[in-house]
Amino acid sequence: MKASELRQKNSGELTEMLQTLRKEQFSMRMQHGSGQLNERHELKRVRREIARVKTVLNQKQDEQA
């Protein structure tokens, strides 16, 4: 998801999305550790999406302050 699409969401939706992405990342790390993860590039995608969501959340907090 692009940052411009994330900026249209409210803080609650972004927080929920962040929590979902972190659960997905944890699951993928466990699969990777046990050798079951075939698509290792997905780890990178999830990590970058988490960074995007956190960046937009921080920008929204700065706007409110």
PDB file of N, CA and C in Angstrom:
ATOM      1  N   MET A   1       0.845  -1.180   0.000  1.00  0.00           N
ATOM      2  CA  MET A   1       0.000   0.000   0.000  1.00  0.00           C
ATOM      3  C   MET A   1       0.889   1.240   0.000  1.00  0.00           C
ATOM      4  N   LYS A   2       0.526   2.216  -0.777  1.00  0.00           N
ATOM      5  CA  LYS A   2       1.317   3.428  -0.891  1.00  0.00           C
ATOM      6  C   LYS A   2       1.074   4.352   0.295  1.00  0.00           C
ATOM      7  N   ALA A   3       2.033   5.219   0.557  1.00  0.00           N
ATOM      8  CA  ALA A   3       1.933   6.158   1.670  1.00  0.00           C
ATOM      9  C   ALA A   3       0.768   7.124   1.460  1.00  0.00           C
ATOM     10  N   SER A   4       0.500   7.499   0.219  1.00  0.00           N
ATOM     11  CA  SER A   4      -0.616   8.408  -0.048  1.00  0.00           C
ATOM     12  C   SER A   4      -1.948   7.758   0.323  1.00  0.00           C
ATOM     13  N   GLU A   5      -2.060   6.461   0.120  1.00  0.00           N
ATOM     14  CA  GLU A   5      -3.280   5.745   0.510  1.00  0.00           C
ATOM     15  C   GLU A   5      -3.378   5.646   2.028  1.00  0.00           C
ATOM     16  N   LEU A   6      -2.232   5.500   2.682  1.00  0.00           N
ATOM     17  CA  LEU A   6      -2.227   5.390   4.145  1.00  0.00           C
ATOM     18  C   LEU A   6      -2.609   6.721   4.795  1.00  0.00           C
ATOM     19  N   ARG A   7      -2.238   7.833   4.174  1.00  0.00           N
ATOM     20  CA  ARG A   7      -2.543   9.139   4.748  1.00  0.00           C
ATOM     21  C   ARG A   7      -4.038   9.425   4.783  1.00  0.00           C
ATOM     22  N   GLN A   8      -4.809   8.719   3.969  1.00  0.00           N
ATOM     23  CA  GLN A   8      -6.255   8.917   3.936  1.00  0.00           C
ATOM     24  C   GLN A   8      -6.957   8.187   5.082  1.00  0.00           C
ATOM     25  N   LYS A   9      -6.260   7.299   5.767  1.00  0.00           N
ATOM     26  CA  LYS A   9      -6.845   6.550   6.872  1.00  0.00           C
ATOM     27  C   LYS A   9      -6.653   7.322   8.173  1.00  0.00           C
ATOM     28  N   ASN A  10      -7.511   7.022   9.158  1.00  0.00           N
ATOM     29  CA  ASN A  10      -7.359   7.685  10.455  1.00  0.00           C
ATOM     30  C   ASN A  10      -6.382   6.897  11.334  1.00  0.00           C
ATOM     31  N   SER A  11      -6.046   7.455  12.471  1.00  0.00           N
ATOM     32  CA  SER A  11      -5.032   6.857  13.344  1.00  0.00           C
ATOM     33  C   SER A  11      -5.443   5.482  13.847  1.00  0.00           C
ATOM     34  N   GLY A  12      -6.718   5.312  14.138  1.00  0.00           N
ATOM     35  CA  GLY A  12      -7.202   4.021  14.617  1.00  0.00           C
ATOM     36  C   GLY A  12      -7.024   2.919  13.592  1.00  0.00           C
ATOM     37  N   GLU A  13      -7.337   3.227  12.348  1.00  0.00           N
ATOM     38  CA  GLU A  13      -7.176   2.245  11.275  1.00  0.00           C
ATOM     39  C   GLU A  13      -5.702   1.907  11.056  1.00  0.00           C
ATOM     40  N   LEU A  14      -4.858   2.925  11.147  1.00  0.00           N
ATOM     41  CA  LEU A  14      -3.427   2.701  10.967  1.00  0.00           C
ATOM     42  C   LEU A  14      -2.850   1.850  12.097  1.00  0.00           C
ATOM     43  N   THR A  15      -3.299   2.099  13.320  1.00  0.00           N
ATOM     44  CA  THR A  15      -2.830   1.320  14.458  1.00  0.00           C
ATOM     45  C   THR A  15      -3.247  -0.137  14.318  1.00  0.00           C
ATOM     46  N   GLU A  16      -4.475  -0.352  13.878  1.00  0.00           N
ATOM     47  CA  GLU A  16      -4.961  -1.707  13.658  1.00  0.00           C
ATOM     48  C   GLU A  16      -4.171  -2.399  12.547  1.00  0.00           C
ATOM     49  N   MET A  17      -3.881  -1.663  11.491  1.00  0.00           N
ATOM     50  CA  MET A  17      -3.107  -2.203  10.381  1.00  0.00           C
ATOM     51  C   MET A  17      -1.693  -2.559  10.838  1.00  0.00           C
ATOM     52  N   LEU A  18      -1.101  -1.716  11.672  1.00  0.00           N
ATOM     53  CA  LEU A  18       0.238  -1.960  12.186  1.00  0.00           C
ATOM     54  C   LEU A  18       0.262  -3.245  13.016  1.00  0.00           C
ATOM     55  N   GLN A  19      -0.743  -3.428  13.845  1.00  0.00           N
ATOM     56  CA  GLN A  19      -0.820  -4.627  14.671  1.00  0.00           C
ATOM     57  C   GLN A  19      -0.942  -5.882  13.798  1.00  0.00           C
ATOM     58  N   THR A  20      -1.748  -5.808  12.754  1.00  0.00           N
ATOM     59  CA  THR A  20      -1.919  -6.935  11.843  1.00  0.00           C
ATOM     60  C   THR A  20      -0.615  -7.255  11.120  1.00  0.00           C
ATOM     61  N   LEU A  21       0.075  -6.218  10.669  1.00  0.00           N
ATOM     62  CA  LEU A  21       1.345  -6.423   9.972  1.00  0.00           C
ATOM     63  C   LEU A  21       2.407  -7.019  10.886  1.00  0.00           C
ATOM     64  N   ARG A  22       2.425  -6.609  12.147  1.00  0.00           N
ATOM     65  CA  ARG A  22       3.400  -7.169  13.089  1.00  0.00           C
ATOM     66  C   ARG A  22       3.123  -8.642  13.359  1.00  0.00           C
ATOM     67  N   LYS A  23       1.843  -9.014  13.440  1.00  0.00           N
ATOM     68  CA  LYS A  23       1.495 -10.428  13.610  1.00  0.00           C
ATOM     69  C   LYS A  23       1.930 -11.234  12.389  1.00  0.00           C
ATOM     70  N   GLU A  24       1.720 -10.660  11.211  1.00  0.00           N
ATOM     71  CA  GLU A  24       2.125 -11.322   9.976  1.00  0.00           C
ATOM     72  C   GLU A  24       3.644 -11.491   9.933  1.00  0.00           C
ATOM     73  N   GLN A  25       4.356 -10.460  10.356  1.00  0.00           N
ATOM     74  CA  GLN A  25       5.813 -10.521  10.368  1.00  0.00           C
ATOM     75  C   GLN A  25       6.302 -11.598  11.342  1.00  0.00           C
ATOM     76  N   PHE A  26       5.687 -11.667  12.500  1.00  0.00           N
ATOM     77  CA  PHE A  26       6.080 -12.677  13.479  1.00  0.00           C
ATOM     78  C   PHE A  26       5.859 -14.080  12.922  1.00  0.00           C
ATOM     79  N   SER A  27       4.711 -14.283  12.301  1.00  0.00           N
ATOM     80  CA  SER A  27       4.391 -15.580  11.714  1.00  0.00           C
ATOM     81  C   SER A  27       5.405 -15.958  10.638  1.00  0.00           C
ATOM     82  N   MET A  28       5.753 -14.997   9.810  1.00  0.00           N
ATOM     83  CA  MET A  28       6.728 -15.257   8.747  1.00  0.00           C
ATOM     84  C   MET A  28       8.113 -15.565   9.311  1.00  0.00           C
ATOM     85  N   ARG A  29       8.488 -14.872  10.379  1.00  0.00           N
ATOM     86  CA  ARG A  29       9.794 -15.137  10.988  1.00  0.00           C
ATOM     87  C   ARG A  29       9.847 -16.550  11.555  1.00  0.00           C
ATOM     88  N   MET A  30       8.744 -16.999  12.136  1.00  0.00           N
ATOM     89  CA  MET A  30       8.694 -18.361  12.673  1.00  0.00           C
ATOM     90  C   MET A  30       8.765 -19.388  11.537  1.00  0.00           C
ATOM     91  N   GLN A  31       8.069 -19.111  10.447  1.00  0.00           N
ATOM     92  CA  GLN A  31       8.123 -20.010   9.297  1.00  0.00           C
ATOM     93  C   GLN A  31       9.526 -20.045   8.704  1.00  0.00           C
ATOM     94  N   HIS A  32      10.153 -18.891   8.629  1.00  0.00           N
ATOM     95  CA  HIS A  32      11.503 -18.806   8.087  1.00  0.00           C
ATOM     96  C   HIS A  32      12.475 -19.594   8.968  1.00  0.00           C
ATOM     97  N   GLY A  33      12.311 -19.448  10.267  1.00  0.00           N
ATOM     98  CA  GLY A  33      13.195 -20.141  11.204  1.00  0.00           C
ATOM     99  C   GLY A  33      13.071 -21.652  11.122  1.00  0.00           C
ATOM    100  N   SER A  34      11.872 -22.124  10.835  1.00  0.00           N
ATOM    101  CA  SER A  34      11.672 -23.570  10.752  1.00  0.00           C
ATOM    102  C   SER A  34      11.854 -24.095   9.333  1.00  0.00           C
ATOM    103  N   GLY A  35      12.183 -23.216   8.396  1.00  0.00           N
ATOM    104  CA  GLY A  35      12.450 -23.630   7.027  1.00  0.00           C
ATOM    105  C   GLY A  35      11.211 -23.835   6.178  1.00  0.00           C
ATOM    106  N   GLN A  36      10.070 -23.340   6.600  1.00  0.00           N
ATOM    107  CA  GLN A  36       8.825 -23.542   5.870  1.00  0.00           C
ATOM    108  C   GLN A  36       8.468 -22.377   4.953  1.00  0.00           C
ATOM    109  N   LEU A  37       9.155 -21.256   5.075  1.00  0.00           N
ATOM    110  CA  LEU A  37       8.831 -20.067   4.287  1.00  0.00           C
ATOM    111  C   LEU A  37       9.505 -20.151   2.917  1.00  0.00           C
ATOM    112  N   ASN A  38       8.704 -20.237   1.874  1.00  0.00           N
ATOM    113  CA  ASN A  38       9.246 -20.343   0.520  1.00  0.00           C
ATOM    114  C   ASN A  38       9.481 -18.977  -0.104  1.00  0.00           C
ATOM    115  N   GLU A  39       8.641 -18.017   0.184  1.00  0.00           N
ATOM    116  CA  GLU A  39       8.717 -16.693  -0.433  1.00  0.00           C
ATOM    117  C   GLU A  39       9.368 -15.711   0.540  1.00  0.00           C
ATOM    118  N   ARG A  40      10.690 -15.741   0.584  1.00  0.00           N
ATOM    119  CA  ARG A  40      11.421 -14.927   1.549  1.00  0.00           C
ATOM    120  C   ARG A  40      11.303 -13.442   1.266  1.00  0.00           C
ATOM    121  N   HIS A  41      10.973 -13.074   0.036  1.00  0.00           N
ATOM    122  CA  HIS A  41      10.834 -11.667  -0.313  1.00  0.00           C
ATOM    123  C   HIS A  41       9.647 -11.027   0.414  1.00  0.00           C
ATOM    124  N   GLU A  42       8.723 -11.833   0.891  1.00  0.00           N
ATOM    125  CA  GLU A  42       7.567 -11.304   1.623  1.00  0.00           C
ATOM    126  C   GLU A  42       7.987 -10.687   2.957  1.00  0.00           C
ATOM    127  N   LEU A  43       9.059 -11.193   3.556  1.00  0.00           N
ATOM    128  CA  LEU A  43       9.566 -10.608   4.798  1.00  0.00           C
ATOM    129  C   LEU A  43       9.951  -9.146   4.581  1.00  0.00           C
ATOM    130  N   LYS A  44      10.620  -8.891   3.488  1.00  0.00           N
ATOM    131  CA  LYS A  44      11.051  -7.530   3.162  1.00  0.00           C
ATOM    132  C   LYS A  44       9.844  -6.627   2.913  1.00  0.00           C
ATOM    133  N   ARG A  45       8.840  -7.149   2.203  1.00  0.00           N
ATOM    134  CA  ARG A  45       7.633  -6.376   1.911  1.00  0.00           C
ATOM    135  C   ARG A  45       6.910  -5.976   3.190  1.00  0.00           C
ATOM    136  N   VAL A  46       6.760  -6.929   4.106  1.00  0.00           N
ATOM    137  CA  VAL A  46       6.057  -6.652   5.353  1.00  0.00           C
ATOM    138  C   VAL A  46       6.841  -5.648   6.190  1.00  0.00           C
ATOM    139  N   ARG A  47       8.157  -5.811   6.241  1.00  0.00           N
ATOM    140  CA  ARG A  47       8.988  -4.882   7.014  1.00  0.00           C
ATOM    141  C   ARG A  47       8.852  -3.455   6.491  1.00  0.00           C
ATOM    142  N   ARG A  48       8.813  -3.309   5.176  1.00  0.00           N
ATOM    143  CA  ARG A  48       8.683  -1.976   4.578  1.00  0.00           C
ATOM    144  C   ARG A  48       7.286  -1.400   4.794  1.00  0.00           C
ATOM    145  N   GLU A  49       6.268  -2.239   4.759  1.00  0.00           N
ATOM    146  CA  GLU A  49       4.915  -1.750   5.013  1.00  0.00           C
ATOM    147  C   GLU A  49       4.782  -1.272   6.454  1.00  0.00           C
ATOM    148  N   ILE A  50       5.398  -1.989   7.382  1.00  0.00           N
ATOM    149  CA  ILE A  50       5.392  -1.560   8.778  1.00  0.00           C
ATOM    150  C   ILE A  50       6.048  -0.185   8.894  1.00  0.00           C
ATOM    151  N   ALA A  51       7.156   0.002   8.229  1.00  0.00           N
ATOM    152  CA  ALA A  51       7.856   1.287   8.264  1.00  0.00           C
ATOM    153  C   ALA A  51       6.989   2.399   7.683  1.00  0.00           C
ATOM    154  N   ARG A  52       6.279   2.115   6.594  1.00  0.00           N
ATOM    155  CA  ARG A  52       5.395   3.125   5.996  1.00  0.00           C
ATOM    156  C   ARG A  52       4.288   3.528   6.955  1.00  0.00           C
ATOM    157  N   VAL A  53       3.662   2.540   7.581  1.00  0.00           N
ATOM    158  CA  VAL A  53       2.560   2.822   8.506  1.00  0.00           C
ATOM    159  C   VAL A  53       3.069   3.636   9.693  1.00  0.00           C
ATOM    160  N   LYS A  54       4.217   3.252  10.232  1.00  0.00           N
ATOM    161  CA  LYS A  54       4.771   3.985  11.370  1.00  0.00           C
ATOM    162  C   LYS A  54       5.127   5.414  10.997  1.00  0.00           C
ATOM    163  N   THR A  55       5.647   5.610   9.786  1.00  0.00           N
ATOM    164  CA  THR A  55       5.994   6.952   9.325  1.00  0.00           C
ATOM    165  C   THR A  55       4.755   7.831   9.234  1.00  0.00           C
ATOM    166  N   VAL A  56       3.689   7.297   8.648  1.00  0.00           N
ATOM    167  CA  VAL A  56       2.456   8.079   8.508  1.00  0.00           C
ATOM    168  C   VAL A  56       1.851   8.366   9.880  1.00  0.00           C
ATOM    169  N   LEU A  57       1.893   7.399  10.793  1.00  0.00           N
ATOM    170  CA  LEU A  57       1.385   7.627  12.150  1.00  0.00           C
ATOM    171  C   LEU A  57       2.158   8.752  12.839  1.00  0.00           C
ATOM    172  N   ASN A  58       3.483   8.743  12.701  1.00  0.00           N
ATOM    173  CA  ASN A  58       4.305   9.801  13.301  1.00  0.00           C
ATOM    174  C   ASN A  58       3.999  11.154  12.674  1.00  0.00           C
ATOM    175  N   GLN A  59       3.774  11.197  11.373  1.00  0.00           N
ATOM    176  CA  GLN A  59       3.439  12.454  10.724  1.00  0.00           C
ATOM    177  C   GLN A  59       2.092  12.986  11.217  1.00  0.00           C
ATOM    178  N   LYS A  60       1.147  12.098  11.431  1.00  0.00           N
ATOM    179  CA  LYS A  60      -0.160  12.523  11.947  1.00  0.00           C
ATOM    180  C   LYS A  60      -0.053  13.059  13.370  1.00  0.00           C
ATOM    181  N   GLN A  61       0.791  12.425  14.184  1.00  0.00           N
ATOM    182  CA  GLN A  61       0.990  12.896  15.548  1.00  0.00           C
ATOM    183  C   GLN A  61       1.661  14.262  15.565  1.00  0.00           C
ATOM    184  N   ASP A  62       2.604  14.491  14.657  1.00  0.00           N
ATOM    185  CA  ASP A  62       3.269  15.787  14.567  1.00  0.00           C
ATOM    186  C   ASP A  62       2.302  16.890  14.141  1.00  0.00           C
ATOM    187  N   GLU A  63       1.373  16.535  13.253  1.00  0.00           N
ATOM    188  CA  GLU A  63       0.376  17.520  12.793  1.00  0.00           C
ATOM    189  C   GLU A  63      -0.549  17.932  13.942  1.00  0.00           C
ATOM    190  N   GLN A  64      -0.876  16.992  14.817  1.00  0.00           N
ATOM    191  CA  GLN A  64      -1.763  17.282  15.933  1.00  0.00           C
ATOM    192  C   GLN A  64      -1.078  18.125  16.993  1.00  0.00           C
ATOM    193  N   ALA A  65       0.223  17.989  17.112  1.00  0.00           N
ATOM    194  CA  ALA A  65       0.955  18.728  18.155  1.00  0.00           C
ATOM    195  C   ALA A  65       1.267  20.145  17.752  1.00  0.00           C
TER     196      ALA A  65
END
